[in-house]
Amino acid sequence: MHAPLSLLASGFALAADDSRVKAAAHQVERGAKKISKGKVGEGVKEMAKGVGKTVSEGGKDSGKKVKEAVR
């Protein structure tokens, strides 16, 4: 049996562990704070890594949620 997409959109799908997504988002935030403190090079580097991790982990997390909802 397949779960309707509306179920996914409404957030009723089983929650996958999103701690890695949150950690990556915090990395972006840390980078932004470094930039505001004048450490532009370090901040941009940390933000870029954080954005990449956020996209990667977010994709994995979304895939897990869809897979769980389809079950």
PDB file of N, CA and C in Angstrom:
ATOM      1  N   MET A   1       0.842  -1.178   0.000  1.00  0.00           N
ATOM      2  CA  MET A   1       0.000   0.000   0.000  1.00  0.00           C
ATOM      3  C   MET A   1       0.887   1.241   0.000  1.00  0.00           C
ATOM      4  N   HIS A   2       0.569   2.195  -0.834  1.00  0.00           N
ATOM      5  CA  HIS A   2       1.361   3.418  -0.945  1.00  0.00           C
ATOM      6  C   HIS A   2       0.678   4.558  -0.201  1.00  0.00           C
ATOM      7  N   ALA A   3       1.481   5.325   0.525  1.00  0.00           N
ATOM      8  CA  ALA A   3       0.945   6.494   1.219  1.00  0.00           C
ATOM      9  C   ALA A   3       0.762   7.626   0.214  1.00  0.00           C
ATOM     10  N   PRO A   4      -0.333   8.342   0.293  1.00  0.00           N
ATOM     11  CA  PRO A   4      -0.518   9.469  -0.620  1.00  0.00           C
ATOM     12  C   PRO A   4       0.500  10.568  -0.348  1.00  0.00           C
ATOM     13  N   LEU A   5       0.867  11.284  -1.404  1.00  0.00           N
ATOM     14  CA  LEU A   5       1.842  12.361  -1.258  1.00  0.00           C
ATOM     15  C   LEU A   5       1.355  13.439  -0.306  1.00  0.00           C
ATOM     16  N   SER A   6       0.060  13.629  -0.207  1.00  0.00           N
ATOM     17  CA  SER A   6      -0.465  14.632   0.717  1.00  0.00           C
ATOM     18  C   SER A   6      -0.110  14.278   2.157  1.00  0.00           C
ATOM     19  N   LEU A   7      -0.003  12.988   2.432  1.00  0.00           N
ATOM     20  CA  LEU A   7       0.394  12.539   3.763  1.00  0.00           C
ATOM     21  C   LEU A   7       1.827  12.947   4.045  1.00  0.00           C
ATOM     22  N   LEU A   8       2.682  12.826   3.048  1.00  0.00           N
ATOM     23  CA  LEU A   8       4.080  13.241   3.203  1.00  0.00           C
ATOM     24  C   LEU A   8       4.165  14.741   3.419  1.00  0.00           C
ATOM     25  N   ALA A   9       3.442  15.485   2.621  1.00  0.00           N
ATOM     26  CA  ALA A   9       3.506  16.937   2.698  1.00  0.00           C
ATOM     27  C   ALA A   9       2.982  17.451   4.031  1.00  0.00           C
ATOM     28  N   SER A  10       2.050  16.753   4.613  1.00  0.00           N
ATOM     29  CA  SER A  10       1.482  17.223   5.874  1.00  0.00           C
ATOM     30  C   SER A  10       2.317  16.828   7.079  1.00  0.00           C
ATOM     31  N   GLY A  11       3.367  16.046   6.862  1.00  0.00           N
ATOM     32  CA  GLY A  11       4.273  15.718   7.960  1.00  0.00           C
ATOM     33  C   GLY A  11       3.889  14.491   8.756  1.00  0.00           C
ATOM     34  N   PHE A  12       2.946  13.696   8.256  1.00  0.00           N
ATOM     35  CA  PHE A  12       2.540  12.509   8.999  1.00  0.00           C
ATOM     36  C   PHE A  12       3.416  11.298   8.722  1.00  0.00           C
ATOM     37  N   ALA A  13       4.338  11.424   7.797  1.00  0.00           N
ATOM     38  CA  ALA A  13       5.256  10.318   7.525  1.00  0.00           C
ATOM     39  C   ALA A  13       6.144  10.119   8.745  1.00  0.00           C
ATOM     40  N   LEU A  14       6.592   8.924   8.947  1.00  0.00           N
ATOM     41  CA  LEU A  14       7.472   8.654  10.077  1.00  0.00           C
ATOM     42  C   LEU A  14       8.728   9.506   9.991  1.00  0.00           C
ATOM     43  N   ALA A  15       9.122  10.062  11.097  1.00  0.00           N
ATOM     44  CA  ALA A  15      10.280  10.961  11.105  1.00  0.00           C
ATOM     45  C   ALA A  15      11.575  10.171  11.100  1.00  0.00           C
ATOM     46  N   ALA A  16      12.432  10.488  10.163  1.00  0.00           N
ATOM     47  CA  ALA A  16      13.776   9.918  10.146  1.00  0.00           C
ATOM     48  C   ALA A  16      14.648  10.781  11.045  1.00  0.00           C
ATOM     49  N   ASP A  17      15.773  10.272  11.465  1.00  0.00           N
ATOM     50  CA  ASP A  17      16.684  11.023  12.320  1.00  0.00           C
ATOM     51  C   ASP A  17      17.246  12.192  11.528  1.00  0.00           C
ATOM     52  N   ASP A  18      16.925  13.404  11.966  1.00  0.00           N
ATOM     53  CA  ASP A  18      17.372  14.589  11.234  1.00  0.00           C
ATOM     54  C   ASP A  18      18.509  15.315  11.957  1.00  0.00           C
ATOM     55  N   SER A  19      19.190  14.639  12.864  1.00  0.00           N
ATOM     56  CA  SER A  19      20.258  15.283  13.633  1.00  0.00           C
ATOM     57  C   SER A  19      21.413  15.734  12.737  1.00  0.00           C
ATOM     58  N   ARG A  20      21.688  14.995  11.676  1.00  0.00           N
ATOM     59  CA  ARG A  20      22.775  15.391  10.766  1.00  0.00           C
ATOM     60  C   ARG A  20      22.405  16.638   9.974  1.00  0.00           C
ATOM     61  N   VAL A  21      21.143  16.760   9.614  1.00  0.00           N
ATOM     62  CA  VAL A  21      20.685  17.955   8.903  1.00  0.00           C
ATOM     63  C   VAL A  21      20.804  19.165   9.822  1.00  0.00           C
ATOM     64  N   LYS A  22      20.379  18.993  11.068  1.00  0.00           N
ATOM     65  CA  LYS A  22      20.462  20.093  12.030  1.00  0.00           C
ATOM     66  C   LYS A  22      21.913  20.488  12.298  1.00  0.00           C
ATOM     67  N   ALA A  23      22.799  19.517  12.402  1.00  0.00           N
ATOM     68  CA  ALA A  23      24.225  19.806  12.638  1.00  0.00           C
ATOM     69  C   ALA A  23      24.813  20.590  11.467  1.00  0.00           C
ATOM     70  N   ALA A  24      24.436  20.217  10.256  1.00  0.00           N
ATOM     71  CA  ALA A  24      24.925  20.926   9.072  1.00  0.00           C
ATOM     72  C   ALA A  24      24.383  22.352   9.041  1.00  0.00           C
ATOM     73  N   ALA A  25      23.137  22.525   9.414  1.00  0.00           N
ATOM     74  CA  ALA A  25      22.550  23.864   9.455  1.00  0.00           C
ATOM     75  C   ALA A  25      23.257  24.736  10.490  1.00  0.00           C
ATOM     76  N   HIS A  26      23.645  24.140  11.601  1.00  0.00           N
ATOM     77  CA  HIS A  26      24.394  24.885  12.624  1.00  0.00           C
ATOM     78  C   HIS A  26      25.770  25.291  12.104  1.00  0.00           C
ATOM     79  N   GLN A  27      26.343  24.453  11.246  1.00  0.00           N
ATOM     80  CA  GLN A  27      27.639  24.785  10.659  1.00  0.00           C
ATOM     81  C   GLN A  27      27.505  26.033   9.776  1.00  0.00           C
ATOM     82  N   VAL A  28      26.426  26.138   9.052  1.00  0.00           N
ATOM     83  CA  VAL A  28      26.166  27.321   8.233  1.00  0.00           C
ATOM     84  C   VAL A  28      26.060  28.546   9.140  1.00  0.00           C
ATOM     85  N   GLU A  29      25.339  28.389  10.231  1.00  0.00           N
ATOM     86  CA  GLU A  29      25.163  29.490  11.186  1.00  0.00           C
ATOM     87  C   GLU A  29      26.499  29.922  11.791  1.00  0.00           C
ATOM     88  N   ARG A  30      27.339  28.951  12.151  1.00  0.00           N
ATOM     89  CA  ARG A  30      28.667  29.286  12.704  1.00  0.00           C
ATOM     90  C   ARG A  30      29.497  30.062  11.694  1.00  0.00           C
ATOM     91  N   GLY A  31      29.419  29.654  10.438  1.00  0.00           N
ATOM     92  CA  GLY A  31      30.145  30.355   9.381  1.00  0.00           C
ATOM     93  C   GLY A  31      29.668  31.792   9.246  1.00  0.00           C
ATOM     94  N   ALA A  32      28.366  31.988   9.300  1.00  0.00           N
ATOM     95  CA  ALA A  32      27.807  33.340   9.195  1.00  0.00           C
ATOM     96  C   ALA A  32      28.272  34.213  10.354  1.00  0.00           C
ATOM     97  N   LYS A  33      28.338  33.627  11.538  1.00  0.00           N
ATOM     98  CA  LYS A  33      28.799  34.394  12.705  1.00  0.00           C
ATOM     99  C   LYS A  33      30.265  34.788  12.556  1.00  0.00           C
ATOM    100  N   LYS A  34      31.070  33.900  11.975  1.00  0.00           N
ATOM    101  CA  LYS A  34      32.481  34.227  11.748  1.00  0.00           C
ATOM    102  C   LYS A  34      32.608  35.402  10.788  1.00  0.00           C
ATOM    103  N   ILE A  35      31.777  35.401   9.757  1.00  0.00           N
ATOM    104  CA  ILE A  35      31.814  36.493   8.784  1.00  0.00           C
ATOM    105  C   ILE A  35      31.470  37.810   9.478  1.00  0.00           C
ATOM    106  N   SER A  36      30.446  37.780  10.318  1.00  0.00           N
ATOM    107  CA  SER A  36      30.046  39.010  10.996  1.00  0.00           C
ATOM    108  C   SER A  36      31.097  39.502  11.981  1.00  0.00           C
ATOM    109  N   LYS A  37      31.987  38.623  12.393  1.00  0.00           N
ATOM    110  CA  LYS A  37      33.070  39.008  13.300  1.00  0.00           C
ATOM    111  C   LYS A  37      34.346  39.365  12.548  1.00  0.00           C
ATOM    112  N   GLY A  38      34.253  39.462  11.217  1.00  0.00           N
ATOM    113  CA  GLY A  38      35.395  39.869  10.413  1.00  0.00           C
ATOM    114  C   GLY A  38      36.268  38.745   9.897  1.00  0.00           C
ATOM    115  N   LYS A  39      35.935  37.508  10.205  1.00  0.00           N
ATOM    116  CA  LYS A  39      36.699  36.349   9.725  1.00  0.00           C
ATOM    117  C   LYS A  39      36.032  35.829   8.451  1.00  0.00           C
ATOM    118  N   VAL A  40      36.100  36.655   7.416  1.00  0.00           N
ATOM    119  CA  VAL A  40      35.362  36.383   6.186  1.00  0.00           C
ATOM    120  C   VAL A  40      35.801  35.078   5.528  1.00  0.00           C
ATOM    121  N   GLY A  41      37.092  34.888   5.341  1.00  0.00           N
ATOM    122  CA  GLY A  41      37.589  33.676   4.677  1.00  0.00           C
ATOM    123  C   GLY A  41      37.156  32.410   5.387  1.00  0.00           C
ATOM    124  N   GLU A  42      37.371  32.372   6.701  1.00  0.00           N
ATOM    125  CA  GLU A  42      36.974  31.194   7.491  1.00  0.00           C
ATOM    126  C   GLU A  42      35.464  30.999   7.446  1.00  0.00           C
ATOM    127  N   GLY A  43      34.734  32.103   7.565  1.00  0.00           N
ATOM    128  CA  GLY A  43      33.278  32.024   7.593  1.00  0.00           C
ATOM    129  C   GLY A  43      32.696  31.499   6.303  1.00  0.00           C
ATOM    130  N   VAL A  44      33.193  32.014   5.186  1.00  0.00           N
ATOM    131  CA  VAL A  44      32.693  31.564   3.884  1.00  0.00           C
ATOM    132  C   VAL A  44      32.988  30.083   3.682  1.00  0.00           C
ATOM    133  N   LYS A  45      34.189  29.669   4.074  1.00  0.00           N
ATOM    134  CA  LYS A  45      34.572  28.259   3.927  1.00  0.00           C
ATOM    135  C   LYS A  45      33.648  27.359   4.757  1.00  0.00           C
ATOM    136  N   GLU A  46      33.410  27.755   6.012  1.00  0.00           N
ATOM    137  CA  GLU A  46      32.549  26.941   6.877  1.00  0.00           C
ATOM    138  C   GLU A  46      31.102  26.945   6.378  1.00  0.00           C
ATOM    139  N   MET A  47      30.644  28.103   5.917  1.00  0.00           N
ATOM    140  CA  MET A  47      29.277  28.170   5.392  1.00  0.00           C
ATOM    141  C   MET A  47      29.116  27.281   4.163  1.00  0.00           C
ATOM    142  N   ALA A  48      30.089  27.327   3.270  1.00  0.00           N
ATOM    143  CA  ALA A  48      30.003  26.518   2.047  1.00  0.00           C
ATOM    144  C   ALA A  48      29.954  25.030   2.382  1.00  0.00           C
ATOM    145  N   LYS A  49      30.794  24.601   3.318  1.00  0.00           N
ATOM    146  CA  LYS A  49      30.774  23.191   3.729  1.00  0.00           C
ATOM    147  C   LYS A  49      29.425  22.845   4.348  1.00  0.00           C
ATOM    148  N   GLY A  50      28.918  23.750   5.188  1.00  0.00           N
ATOM    149  CA  GLY A  50      27.634  23.513   5.845  1.00  0.00           C
ATOM    150  C   GLY A  50      26.487  23.431   4.860  1.00  0.00           C
ATOM    151  N   VAL A  51      26.494  24.300   3.853  1.00  0.00           N
ATOM    152  CA  VAL A  51      25.440  24.265   2.837  1.00  0.00           C
ATOM    153  C   VAL A  51      25.494  22.937   2.085  1.00  0.00           C
ATOM    154  N   GLY A  52      26.688  22.510   1.709  1.00  0.00           N
ATOM    155  CA  GLY A  52      26.824  21.229   1.011  1.00  0.00           C
ATOM    156  C   GLY A  52      26.320  20.067   1.846  1.00  0.00           C
ATOM    157  N   LYS A  53      26.693  20.063   3.117  1.00  0.00           N
ATOM    158  CA  LYS A  53      26.238  18.986   4.004  1.00  0.00           C
ATOM    159  C   LYS A  53      24.728  19.048   4.216  1.00  0.00           C
ATOM    160  N   THR A  54      24.187  20.265   4.335  1.00  0.00           N
ATOM    161  CA  THR A  54      22.748  20.419   4.532  1.00  0.00           C
ATOM    162  C   THR A  54      21.980  19.843   3.345  1.00  0.00           C
ATOM    163  N   VAL A  55      22.432  20.153   2.146  1.00  0.00           N
ATOM    164  CA  VAL A  55      21.777  19.644   0.934  1.00  0.00           C
ATOM    165  C   VAL A  55      21.889  18.121   0.882  1.00  0.00           C
ATOM    166  N   SER A  56      23.087  17.609   1.132  1.00  0.00           N
ATOM    167  CA  SER A  56      23.322  16.173   1.066  1.00  0.00           C
ATOM    168  C   SER A  56      22.494  15.420   2.113  1.00  0.00           C
ATOM    169  N   GLU A  57      22.605  15.846   3.350  1.00  0.00           N
ATOM    170  CA  GLU A  57      21.891  15.160   4.428  1.00  0.00           C
ATOM    171  C   GLU A  57      20.381  15.363   4.318  1.00  0.00           C
ATOM    172  N   GLY A  58      19.965  16.537   3.851  1.00  0.00           N
ATOM    173  CA  GLY A  58      18.538  16.782   3.652  1.00  0.00           C
ATOM    174  C   GLY A  58      17.959  15.850   2.600  1.00  0.00           C
ATOM    175  N   GLY A  59      18.720  15.620   1.540  1.00  0.00           N
ATOM    176  CA  GLY A  59      18.279  14.683   0.508  1.00  0.00           C
ATOM    177  C   GLY A  59      18.158  13.275   1.043  1.00  0.00           C
ATOM    178  N   LYS A  60      19.146  12.877   1.836  1.00  0.00           N
ATOM    179  CA  LYS A  60      19.098  11.532   2.436  1.00  0.00           C
ATOM    180  C   LYS A  60      17.898  11.408   3.360  1.00  0.00           C
ATOM    181  N   ASP A  61      17.676  12.443   4.183  1.00  0.00           N
ATOM    182  CA  ASP A  61      16.577  12.444   5.141  1.00  0.00           C
ATOM    183  C   ASP A  61      15.236  12.370   4.413  1.00  0.00           C
ATOM    184  N   SER A  62      15.099  13.153   3.351  1.00  0.00           N
ATOM    185  CA  SER A  62      13.852  13.134   2.568  1.00  0.00           C
ATOM    186  C   SER A  62      13.629  11.766   1.946  1.00  0.00           C
ATOM    187  N   GLY A  63      14.690  11.168   1.439  1.00  0.00           N
ATOM    188  CA  GLY A  63      14.581   9.834   0.856  1.00  0.00           C
ATOM    189  C   GLY A  63      14.126   8.805   1.869  1.00  0.00           C
ATOM    190  N   LYS A  64      14.657   8.903   3.082  1.00  0.00           N
ATOM    191  CA  LYS A  64      14.245   7.965   4.138  1.00  0.00           C
ATOM    192  C   LYS A  64      12.769   8.150   4.478  1.00  0.00           C
ATOM    193  N   LYS A  65      12.341   9.414   4.547  1.00  0.00           N
ATOM    194  CA  LYS A  65      10.933   9.685   4.883  1.00  0.00           C
ATOM    195  C   LYS A  65      10.000   9.135   3.823  1.00  0.00           C
ATOM    196  N   VAL A  66      10.366   9.309   2.561  1.00  0.00           N
ATOM    197  CA  VAL A  66       9.534   8.780   1.480  1.00  0.00           C
ATOM    198  C   VAL A  66       9.501   7.268   1.529  1.00  0.00           C
ATOM    199  N   LYS A  67      10.661   6.662   1.758  1.00  0.00           N
ATOM    200  CA  LYS A  67      10.740   5.199   1.825  1.00  0.00           C
ATOM    201  C   LYS A  67       9.885   4.668   2.965  1.00  0.00           C
ATOM    202  N   GLU A  68       9.940   5.326   4.130  1.00  0.00           N
ATOM    203  CA  GLU A  68       9.129   4.892   5.273  1.00  0.00           C
ATOM    204  C   GLU A  68       7.637   5.073   5.007  1.00  0.00           C
ATOM    205  N   ALA A  69       7.286   6.156   4.337  1.00  0.00           N
ATOM    206  CA  ALA A  69       5.870   6.428   4.071  1.00  0.00           C
ATOM    207  C   ALA A  69       5.284   5.428   3.081  1.00  0.00           C
ATOM    208  N   VAL A  70       6.107   4.935   2.181  1.00  0.00           N
ATOM    209  CA  VAL A  70       5.638   3.998   1.166  1.00  0.00           C
ATOM    210  C   VAL A  70       5.361   2.628   1.770  1.00  0.00           C
ATOM    211  N   ARG A  71       6.022   2.345   2.857  1.00  0.00           N
ATOM    212  CA  ARG A  71       5.829   1.016   3.489  1.00  0.00           C
ATOM    213  C   ARG A  71       4.461   0.825   3.986  1.00  0.00           C
TER     214      ARG A  71
END
